N, C-alpha and C. Protein backbone atom coordinates (compact mmCIF):
# COMPACT_ATOMS: atom_id res chain seq x y z
N MET A 1 5.34 -10.05 3.29
CA MET A 1 5.25 -8.65 2.99
C MET A 1 6.20 -7.93 3.93
N LYS A 2 6.87 -6.90 3.43
CA LYS A 2 7.84 -6.17 4.24
C LYS A 2 7.15 -5.47 5.42
N GLY A 3 7.83 -5.52 6.55
CA GLY A 3 7.30 -4.93 7.77
C GLY A 3 7.07 -3.43 7.68
N LEU A 4 7.78 -2.77 6.78
CA LEU A 4 7.58 -1.34 6.60
C LEU A 4 6.12 -1.02 6.30
N VAL A 5 5.48 -1.86 5.50
CA VAL A 5 4.08 -1.64 5.15
C VAL A 5 3.22 -1.72 6.42
N PHE A 6 3.56 -2.63 7.32
CA PHE A 6 2.80 -2.80 8.56
C PHE A 6 3.07 -1.66 9.54
N SER A 7 4.35 -1.34 9.75
CA SER A 7 4.67 -0.29 10.73
C SER A 7 4.11 1.06 10.27
N GLU A 8 4.15 1.32 8.97
CA GLU A 8 3.58 2.57 8.47
C GLU A 8 2.06 2.55 8.55
N MET A 9 1.45 1.38 8.36
CA MET A 9 0.00 1.29 8.49
C MET A 9 -0.44 1.64 9.91
N ILE A 10 0.30 1.14 10.87
CA ILE A 10 -0.03 1.43 12.27
C ILE A 10 0.16 2.92 12.56
N ALA A 11 1.26 3.50 12.06
CA ALA A 11 1.49 4.94 12.26
C ALA A 11 0.39 5.76 11.60
N TRP A 12 -0.02 5.36 10.38
CA TRP A 12 -1.11 6.07 9.70
C TRP A 12 -2.40 6.00 10.51
N ALA A 13 -2.75 4.79 10.97
CA ALA A 13 -4.01 4.62 11.71
C ALA A 13 -3.99 5.42 13.02
N GLU A 14 -2.83 5.47 13.67
CA GLU A 14 -2.73 6.26 14.90
C GLU A 14 -2.94 7.75 14.61
N SER A 15 -2.39 8.22 13.47
CA SER A 15 -2.55 9.65 13.15
C SER A 15 -3.96 9.94 12.63
N ALA A 16 -4.56 9.00 11.92
CA ALA A 16 -5.90 9.22 11.37
C ALA A 16 -6.99 9.03 12.43
N TYR A 17 -6.75 8.16 13.40
CA TYR A 17 -7.76 7.87 14.42
C TYR A 17 -7.20 8.17 15.81
N SER A 18 -6.61 7.17 16.45
CA SER A 18 -5.99 7.39 17.76
C SER A 18 -5.18 6.15 18.13
N PRO A 19 -4.17 6.34 18.99
CA PRO A 19 -3.43 5.16 19.46
C PRO A 19 -4.32 4.15 20.18
N ALA A 20 -5.32 4.64 20.92
CA ALA A 20 -6.22 3.73 21.63
C ALA A 20 -7.02 2.87 20.65
N LEU A 21 -7.51 3.47 19.58
CA LEU A 21 -8.25 2.71 18.58
C LEU A 21 -7.34 1.69 17.89
N VAL A 22 -6.10 2.08 17.63
CA VAL A 22 -5.15 1.16 17.00
C VAL A 22 -4.86 -0.03 17.92
N ASP A 23 -4.75 0.23 19.22
CA ASP A 23 -4.57 -0.88 20.16
C ASP A 23 -5.74 -1.86 20.08
N ARG A 24 -6.96 -1.34 20.02
CA ARG A 24 -8.14 -2.19 19.87
C ARG A 24 -8.09 -2.97 18.56
N MET A 25 -7.67 -2.29 17.48
CA MET A 25 -7.56 -2.95 16.18
C MET A 25 -6.59 -4.13 16.26
N ILE A 26 -5.45 -3.92 16.87
CA ILE A 26 -4.43 -4.97 16.96
C ILE A 26 -4.93 -6.14 17.80
N VAL A 27 -5.51 -5.84 18.95
CA VAL A 27 -6.01 -6.90 19.84
C VAL A 27 -7.13 -7.69 19.16
N GLN A 28 -8.10 -6.99 18.57
CA GLN A 28 -9.24 -7.66 17.96
C GLN A 28 -8.87 -8.40 16.68
N SER A 29 -7.77 -7.96 16.02
CA SER A 29 -7.32 -8.64 14.80
C SER A 29 -6.65 -9.96 15.11
N LYS A 30 -6.20 -10.11 16.36
CA LYS A 30 -5.52 -11.33 16.81
C LYS A 30 -4.28 -11.65 15.97
N VAL A 31 -3.52 -10.60 15.61
CA VAL A 31 -2.27 -10.83 14.90
C VAL A 31 -1.29 -11.46 15.89
N PRO A 32 -0.47 -12.40 15.43
CA PRO A 32 0.35 -13.18 16.35
C PRO A 32 1.45 -12.40 17.08
N ASN A 33 1.85 -11.27 16.58
CA ASN A 33 2.97 -10.54 17.19
C ASN A 33 2.52 -9.30 17.95
N ASP A 34 1.26 -9.18 18.22
CA ASP A 34 0.70 -8.04 18.96
C ASP A 34 1.05 -6.69 18.34
N GLY A 35 1.17 -6.64 17.03
CA GLY A 35 1.40 -5.38 16.34
C GLY A 35 2.84 -4.91 16.35
N ALA A 36 3.78 -5.79 16.72
CA ALA A 36 5.20 -5.42 16.72
C ALA A 36 5.81 -5.83 15.38
N TYR A 37 6.11 -4.85 14.55
CA TYR A 37 6.67 -5.10 13.21
C TYR A 37 7.96 -4.32 13.05
N THR A 38 8.97 -4.97 12.50
CA THR A 38 10.19 -4.26 12.14
C THR A 38 10.12 -3.95 10.65
N SER A 39 10.69 -2.86 10.24
CA SER A 39 10.55 -2.43 8.85
C SER A 39 11.19 -3.40 7.87
N VAL A 40 12.21 -4.15 8.27
CA VAL A 40 12.87 -5.06 7.34
C VAL A 40 12.40 -6.51 7.49
N GLY A 41 11.52 -6.78 8.45
CA GLY A 41 11.01 -8.13 8.63
C GLY A 41 10.02 -8.49 7.55
N ASN A 42 9.72 -9.77 7.45
CA ASN A 42 8.71 -10.27 6.51
C ASN A 42 7.55 -10.85 7.31
N TYR A 43 6.33 -10.51 6.91
CA TYR A 43 5.15 -10.92 7.63
C TYR A 43 4.07 -11.34 6.64
N PRO A 44 3.17 -12.23 7.05
CA PRO A 44 2.09 -12.67 6.15
C PRO A 44 1.14 -11.51 5.82
N HIS A 45 0.78 -11.40 4.55
CA HIS A 45 -0.12 -10.32 4.13
C HIS A 45 -1.48 -10.44 4.79
N GLY A 46 -1.84 -11.63 5.22
CA GLY A 46 -3.13 -11.83 5.90
C GLY A 46 -3.26 -11.00 7.16
N GLU A 47 -2.13 -10.68 7.79
CA GLU A 47 -2.19 -9.84 8.98
C GLU A 47 -2.64 -8.42 8.63
N ALA A 48 -2.18 -7.91 7.51
CA ALA A 48 -2.62 -6.57 7.08
C ALA A 48 -4.11 -6.60 6.74
N LEU A 49 -4.54 -7.66 6.06
CA LEU A 49 -5.96 -7.78 5.72
C LEU A 49 -6.81 -7.85 6.99
N ALA A 50 -6.33 -8.60 7.98
CA ALA A 50 -7.07 -8.72 9.24
C ALA A 50 -7.18 -7.37 9.93
N MET A 51 -6.08 -6.62 9.96
CA MET A 51 -6.13 -5.32 10.64
C MET A 51 -7.00 -4.33 9.89
N PHE A 52 -6.94 -4.31 8.56
CA PHE A 52 -7.83 -3.42 7.80
C PHE A 52 -9.29 -3.80 8.04
N GLY A 53 -9.58 -5.10 8.06
CA GLY A 53 -10.95 -5.54 8.31
C GLY A 53 -11.44 -5.10 9.68
N THR A 54 -10.60 -5.27 10.68
CA THR A 54 -10.98 -4.86 12.04
C THR A 54 -11.12 -3.35 12.13
N LEU A 55 -10.21 -2.61 11.52
CA LEU A 55 -10.31 -1.15 11.53
C LEU A 55 -11.60 -0.69 10.86
N SER A 56 -11.99 -1.38 9.81
CA SER A 56 -13.24 -1.06 9.14
C SER A 56 -14.43 -1.27 10.08
N GLU A 57 -14.42 -2.38 10.80
CA GLU A 57 -15.50 -2.66 11.75
C GLU A 57 -15.54 -1.61 12.86
N LEU A 58 -14.36 -1.21 13.36
CA LEU A 58 -14.30 -0.26 14.47
C LEU A 58 -14.71 1.15 14.06
N THR A 59 -14.43 1.52 12.82
CA THR A 59 -14.69 2.90 12.39
C THR A 59 -15.94 3.04 11.53
N GLY A 60 -16.43 1.93 10.98
CA GLY A 60 -17.56 2.00 10.06
C GLY A 60 -17.17 2.48 8.68
N THR A 61 -15.89 2.53 8.40
CA THR A 61 -15.38 2.97 7.10
C THR A 61 -15.10 1.74 6.24
N PRO A 62 -15.56 1.72 5.00
CA PRO A 62 -15.28 0.57 4.13
C PRO A 62 -13.78 0.32 3.96
N VAL A 63 -13.41 -0.95 3.88
CA VAL A 63 -12.00 -1.33 3.75
C VAL A 63 -11.35 -0.62 2.56
N GLY A 64 -12.03 -0.55 1.44
CA GLY A 64 -11.47 0.11 0.26
C GLY A 64 -11.14 1.57 0.52
N ASP A 65 -12.00 2.26 1.26
CA ASP A 65 -11.74 3.66 1.59
C ASP A 65 -10.53 3.78 2.52
N LEU A 66 -10.42 2.86 3.48
CA LEU A 66 -9.26 2.86 4.38
C LEU A 66 -7.97 2.61 3.59
N ALA A 67 -8.01 1.63 2.71
CA ALA A 67 -6.82 1.28 1.93
C ALA A 67 -6.40 2.44 1.03
N ARG A 68 -7.37 3.12 0.43
CA ARG A 68 -7.06 4.26 -0.43
C ARG A 68 -6.43 5.39 0.40
N ALA A 69 -7.00 5.69 1.55
CA ALA A 69 -6.46 6.75 2.41
C ALA A 69 -5.05 6.39 2.87
N TYR A 70 -4.85 5.14 3.23
CA TYR A 70 -3.51 4.69 3.64
C TYR A 70 -2.54 4.78 2.47
N GLY A 71 -2.97 4.41 1.29
CA GLY A 71 -2.11 4.49 0.11
C GLY A 71 -1.65 5.90 -0.18
N PHE A 72 -2.56 6.88 -0.08
CA PHE A 72 -2.17 8.27 -0.28
C PHE A 72 -1.16 8.70 0.79
N TRP A 73 -1.42 8.32 2.02
CA TRP A 73 -0.53 8.67 3.12
C TRP A 73 0.83 8.01 2.93
N LEU A 74 0.83 6.74 2.54
CA LEU A 74 2.08 6.01 2.36
C LEU A 74 2.91 6.59 1.21
N ALA A 75 2.25 7.04 0.16
CA ALA A 75 2.98 7.67 -0.95
C ALA A 75 3.72 8.90 -0.44
N GLY A 76 3.09 9.68 0.40
CA GLY A 76 3.76 10.83 1.00
C GLY A 76 4.93 10.42 1.88
N ARG A 77 4.74 9.35 2.62
CA ARG A 77 5.83 8.85 3.47
C ARG A 77 7.01 8.37 2.64
N PHE A 78 6.73 7.75 1.50
CA PHE A 78 7.83 7.28 0.65
C PHE A 78 8.68 8.45 0.17
N THR A 79 8.05 9.60 -0.07
CA THR A 79 8.85 10.76 -0.50
C THR A 79 9.77 11.22 0.62
N GLN A 80 9.37 11.01 1.87
CA GLN A 80 10.21 11.37 3.01
C GLN A 80 11.27 10.30 3.28
N LEU A 81 10.87 9.03 3.19
CA LEU A 81 11.77 7.93 3.52
C LEU A 81 12.78 7.63 2.41
N TYR A 82 12.37 7.82 1.17
CA TYR A 82 13.20 7.43 0.03
C TYR A 82 13.31 8.56 -0.99
N PRO A 83 13.76 9.74 -0.58
CA PRO A 83 13.80 10.86 -1.52
C PRO A 83 14.72 10.60 -2.72
N GLU A 84 15.77 9.82 -2.52
CA GLU A 84 16.69 9.54 -3.62
C GLU A 84 16.04 8.73 -4.73
N MET A 85 15.02 7.97 -4.40
CA MET A 85 14.32 7.19 -5.42
C MET A 85 13.15 7.98 -6.02
N VAL A 86 12.47 8.75 -5.21
CA VAL A 86 11.27 9.44 -5.65
C VAL A 86 11.59 10.75 -6.37
N ASN A 87 12.59 11.45 -5.91
CA ASN A 87 12.86 12.78 -6.45
C ASN A 87 13.43 12.78 -7.87
N VAL A 88 13.74 11.62 -8.42
CA VAL A 88 14.21 11.58 -9.81
C VAL A 88 13.05 11.76 -10.79
N TYR A 89 11.83 11.71 -10.29
CA TYR A 89 10.65 11.86 -11.15
C TYR A 89 10.09 13.26 -11.03
N SER A 90 9.70 13.83 -12.15
CA SER A 90 9.23 15.22 -12.18
C SER A 90 7.75 15.36 -11.85
N ASP A 91 6.98 14.27 -12.01
CA ASP A 91 5.54 14.36 -11.74
C ASP A 91 5.00 12.97 -11.40
N ALA A 92 3.73 12.95 -11.02
CA ALA A 92 3.10 11.70 -10.59
C ALA A 92 3.05 10.68 -11.72
N GLU A 93 2.82 11.12 -12.95
CA GLU A 93 2.76 10.18 -14.07
C GLU A 93 4.09 9.48 -14.29
N SER A 94 5.19 10.23 -14.25
CA SER A 94 6.49 9.58 -14.46
C SER A 94 6.85 8.69 -13.27
N LEU A 95 6.46 9.08 -12.08
CA LEU A 95 6.69 8.22 -10.91
C LEU A 95 5.95 6.90 -11.05
N LEU A 96 4.67 6.96 -11.41
CA LEU A 96 3.89 5.73 -11.59
C LEU A 96 4.49 4.88 -12.70
N GLY A 97 5.00 5.51 -13.73
CA GLY A 97 5.65 4.77 -14.81
C GLY A 97 6.92 4.07 -14.36
N GLY A 98 7.56 4.58 -13.31
CA GLY A 98 8.80 3.99 -12.82
C GLY A 98 8.64 2.99 -11.69
N VAL A 99 7.43 2.78 -11.22
CA VAL A 99 7.24 1.86 -10.09
C VAL A 99 7.75 0.47 -10.43
N GLY A 100 7.29 -0.09 -11.53
CA GLY A 100 7.68 -1.45 -11.88
C GLY A 100 9.10 -1.56 -12.39
N SER A 101 9.52 -0.65 -13.25
CA SER A 101 10.82 -0.76 -13.90
C SER A 101 11.97 -0.24 -13.05
N HIS A 102 11.71 0.59 -12.07
CA HIS A 102 12.80 1.16 -11.27
C HIS A 102 12.64 0.86 -9.78
N ILE A 103 11.54 1.29 -9.20
CA ILE A 103 11.38 1.21 -7.75
C ILE A 103 11.30 -0.24 -7.27
N HIS A 104 10.43 -1.03 -7.85
CA HIS A 104 10.33 -2.42 -7.41
C HIS A 104 11.57 -3.23 -7.77
N GLU A 105 12.25 -2.83 -8.82
CA GLU A 105 13.52 -3.47 -9.16
C GLU A 105 14.55 -3.22 -8.06
N GLU A 106 14.60 -2.00 -7.55
CA GLU A 106 15.51 -1.67 -6.46
C GLU A 106 15.12 -2.42 -5.18
N VAL A 107 13.83 -2.55 -4.93
CA VAL A 107 13.37 -3.30 -3.76
C VAL A 107 13.88 -4.74 -3.81
N THR A 108 13.77 -5.38 -4.97
CA THR A 108 14.20 -6.77 -5.07
C THR A 108 15.72 -6.91 -5.02
N LYS A 109 16.45 -5.86 -5.38
CA LYS A 109 17.91 -5.90 -5.20
C LYS A 109 18.27 -5.86 -3.72
N LEU A 110 17.59 -4.99 -2.99
CA LEU A 110 17.85 -4.86 -1.56
C LEU A 110 17.34 -6.06 -0.77
N TYR A 111 16.19 -6.58 -1.19
CA TYR A 111 15.54 -7.68 -0.47
C TYR A 111 15.17 -8.77 -1.48
N PRO A 112 16.10 -9.68 -1.78
CA PRO A 112 15.86 -10.69 -2.82
C PRO A 112 14.61 -11.55 -2.58
N GLU A 113 14.20 -11.68 -1.33
CA GLU A 113 13.02 -12.49 -1.03
C GLU A 113 11.71 -11.73 -1.25
N ALA A 114 11.80 -10.43 -1.51
CA ALA A 114 10.60 -9.61 -1.70
C ALA A 114 9.88 -10.01 -2.99
N ARG A 115 8.57 -9.94 -2.93
CA ARG A 115 7.73 -10.23 -4.10
C ARG A 115 6.78 -9.06 -4.31
N PRO A 116 7.30 -7.93 -4.79
CA PRO A 116 6.41 -6.77 -4.99
C PRO A 116 5.42 -7.03 -6.11
N PRO A 117 4.32 -6.31 -6.09
CA PRO A 117 3.34 -6.48 -7.18
C PRO A 117 3.91 -5.96 -8.49
N GLN A 118 3.29 -6.40 -9.57
CA GLN A 118 3.64 -5.87 -10.88
C GLN A 118 2.72 -4.69 -11.14
N VAL A 119 3.33 -3.56 -11.46
CA VAL A 119 2.57 -2.35 -11.75
C VAL A 119 3.04 -1.83 -13.09
N GLN A 120 2.10 -1.67 -13.99
CA GLN A 120 2.43 -1.13 -15.31
C GLN A 120 1.56 0.10 -15.55
N ALA A 121 2.20 1.19 -15.88
CA ALA A 121 1.49 2.43 -16.15
C ALA A 121 1.67 2.79 -17.62
N THR A 122 0.58 3.08 -18.29
CA THR A 122 0.60 3.44 -19.70
C THR A 122 -0.15 4.76 -19.88
N LYS A 123 0.50 5.71 -20.55
CA LYS A 123 -0.19 6.98 -20.81
C LYS A 123 -1.26 6.75 -21.86
N ILE A 124 -2.42 7.34 -21.61
CA ILE A 124 -3.54 7.31 -22.55
C ILE A 124 -3.98 8.76 -22.75
N PRO A 125 -4.77 9.05 -23.76
CA PRO A 125 -5.12 10.46 -24.06
C PRO A 125 -5.70 11.25 -22.88
N ASP A 126 -6.53 10.61 -22.05
CA ASP A 126 -7.17 11.38 -20.98
C ASP A 126 -6.57 11.10 -19.60
N GLY A 127 -5.36 10.57 -19.54
CA GLY A 127 -4.72 10.32 -18.25
C GLY A 127 -3.74 9.18 -18.32
N MET A 128 -3.95 8.19 -17.47
CA MET A 128 -3.04 7.07 -17.39
C MET A 128 -3.82 5.80 -17.05
N GLN A 129 -3.41 4.70 -17.65
CA GLN A 129 -4.00 3.41 -17.33
C GLN A 129 -3.01 2.66 -16.46
N LEU A 130 -3.47 2.21 -15.29
CA LEU A 130 -2.65 1.45 -14.36
C LEU A 130 -3.12 0.01 -14.35
N GLU A 131 -2.17 -0.90 -14.44
CA GLU A 131 -2.48 -2.32 -14.32
C GLU A 131 -1.68 -2.87 -13.15
N TYR A 132 -2.33 -3.63 -12.32
CA TYR A 132 -1.75 -4.14 -11.08
C TYR A 132 -1.97 -5.65 -11.04
N ALA A 133 -0.91 -6.38 -10.74
CA ALA A 133 -1.02 -7.82 -10.57
C ALA A 133 -0.18 -8.23 -9.37
N SER A 134 -0.73 -9.11 -8.56
CA SER A 134 -0.04 -9.53 -7.35
C SER A 134 -0.49 -10.92 -6.95
N HIS A 135 0.40 -11.63 -6.27
CA HIS A 135 0.01 -12.91 -5.70
C HIS A 135 -0.79 -12.70 -4.41
N ARG A 136 -0.82 -11.45 -3.94
CA ARG A 136 -1.60 -11.11 -2.75
C ARG A 136 -2.98 -10.59 -3.18
N PRO A 137 -4.00 -10.80 -2.37
CA PRO A 137 -5.35 -10.38 -2.76
C PRO A 137 -5.63 -8.92 -2.46
N PHE A 138 -4.76 -8.02 -2.92
CA PHE A 138 -4.97 -6.59 -2.73
C PHE A 138 -5.42 -6.01 -4.05
N CYS A 139 -6.56 -5.38 -4.04
CA CYS A 139 -7.08 -4.83 -5.28
C CYS A 139 -8.10 -3.76 -4.97
N ALA A 140 -8.14 -2.75 -5.83
CA ALA A 140 -9.15 -1.70 -5.72
C ALA A 140 -9.92 -1.66 -7.02
N GLY A 141 -10.88 -0.81 -7.11
CA GLY A 141 -11.61 -0.64 -8.36
C GLY A 141 -12.76 -1.60 -8.54
N GLY A 142 -13.20 -2.23 -7.48
CA GLY A 142 -14.37 -3.06 -7.56
C GLY A 142 -14.11 -4.52 -7.90
N ALA A 143 -12.86 -4.90 -8.12
CA ALA A 143 -12.59 -6.30 -8.43
C ALA A 143 -12.71 -7.12 -7.16
N ARG A 144 -13.09 -8.37 -7.31
CA ARG A 144 -13.19 -9.25 -6.15
C ARG A 144 -11.80 -9.43 -5.55
N PRO A 145 -11.67 -9.48 -4.22
CA PRO A 145 -10.35 -9.57 -3.60
C PRO A 145 -9.62 -10.87 -3.91
N ASP A 146 -10.30 -11.91 -4.37
CA ASP A 146 -9.61 -13.16 -4.65
C ASP A 146 -9.10 -13.24 -6.08
N ARG A 147 -9.28 -12.20 -6.86
CA ARG A 147 -8.79 -12.20 -8.24
C ARG A 147 -7.33 -11.81 -8.26
N ARG A 148 -6.55 -12.47 -9.11
CA ARG A 148 -5.14 -12.16 -9.21
C ARG A 148 -4.91 -10.83 -9.92
N PHE A 149 -5.67 -10.54 -10.93
CA PHE A 149 -5.47 -9.31 -11.69
C PHE A 149 -6.62 -8.36 -11.46
N CYS A 150 -6.28 -7.14 -11.21
CA CYS A 150 -7.29 -6.11 -11.03
C CYS A 150 -7.61 -5.49 -12.37
N ARG A 151 -8.80 -4.96 -12.47
CA ARG A 151 -9.16 -4.22 -13.67
C ARG A 151 -8.32 -2.96 -13.76
N PRO A 152 -7.95 -2.57 -14.97
CA PRO A 152 -7.20 -1.31 -15.09
C PRO A 152 -8.01 -0.13 -14.58
N VAL A 153 -7.33 0.79 -13.97
CA VAL A 153 -7.95 2.02 -13.49
C VAL A 153 -7.53 3.13 -14.43
N ARG A 154 -8.48 3.84 -14.99
CA ARG A 154 -8.17 4.91 -15.93
C ARG A 154 -8.56 6.25 -15.33
N ARG A 155 -7.56 7.04 -14.99
CA ARG A 155 -7.81 8.40 -14.53
C ARG A 155 -6.47 9.12 -14.43
N LYS A 156 -6.54 10.41 -14.39
CA LYS A 156 -5.31 11.20 -14.29
C LYS A 156 -4.76 11.07 -12.88
N PRO A 157 -3.47 10.70 -12.74
CA PRO A 157 -2.91 10.58 -11.39
C PRO A 157 -2.84 11.94 -10.70
N GLN A 158 -3.00 11.93 -9.40
CA GLN A 158 -2.96 13.16 -8.63
C GLN A 158 -2.02 12.99 -7.46
N CYS A 159 -1.39 14.06 -7.07
CA CYS A 159 -0.55 14.06 -5.87
C CYS A 159 -1.34 14.71 -4.75
N TYR A 160 -1.21 14.19 -3.56
CA TYR A 160 -1.88 14.74 -2.40
C TYR A 160 -0.83 15.09 -1.36
N PRO A 161 -1.03 16.17 -0.64
CA PRO A 161 -0.05 16.57 0.38
C PRO A 161 0.00 15.56 1.52
């Protein structure tokens, strides 16, 4: 998994909680690099899972809630880090529709070893249906973490500041 996901996760946790709590999370997670991630490096996804699990234990917040909060925060960061890719979309629905066909395609051009998840967004009458598939055990919506495919999530996409 690209180091950007890790370095941004640490920055998010520091802003949401505190640098001291993040230090405890890193130490207790026993990640091999002591929380030192470069944005272009590749790291095992298990390290992210370990840190989310430890952060959940330290804060009493369910892992799913932490992951959702981080996802909202990371989406905002992507608009700052990659405005040339994000600003071509007029709204959240069109952005979600372009994740698989445009954004992840660009990621694999830049980083041929990258294995981004497959994300398919389909407009439905009352919002949008999102389908997510990954070789990594990341999933929301109540699916077991060891399942390859998550259940579709049906709701209107929202942007958060």
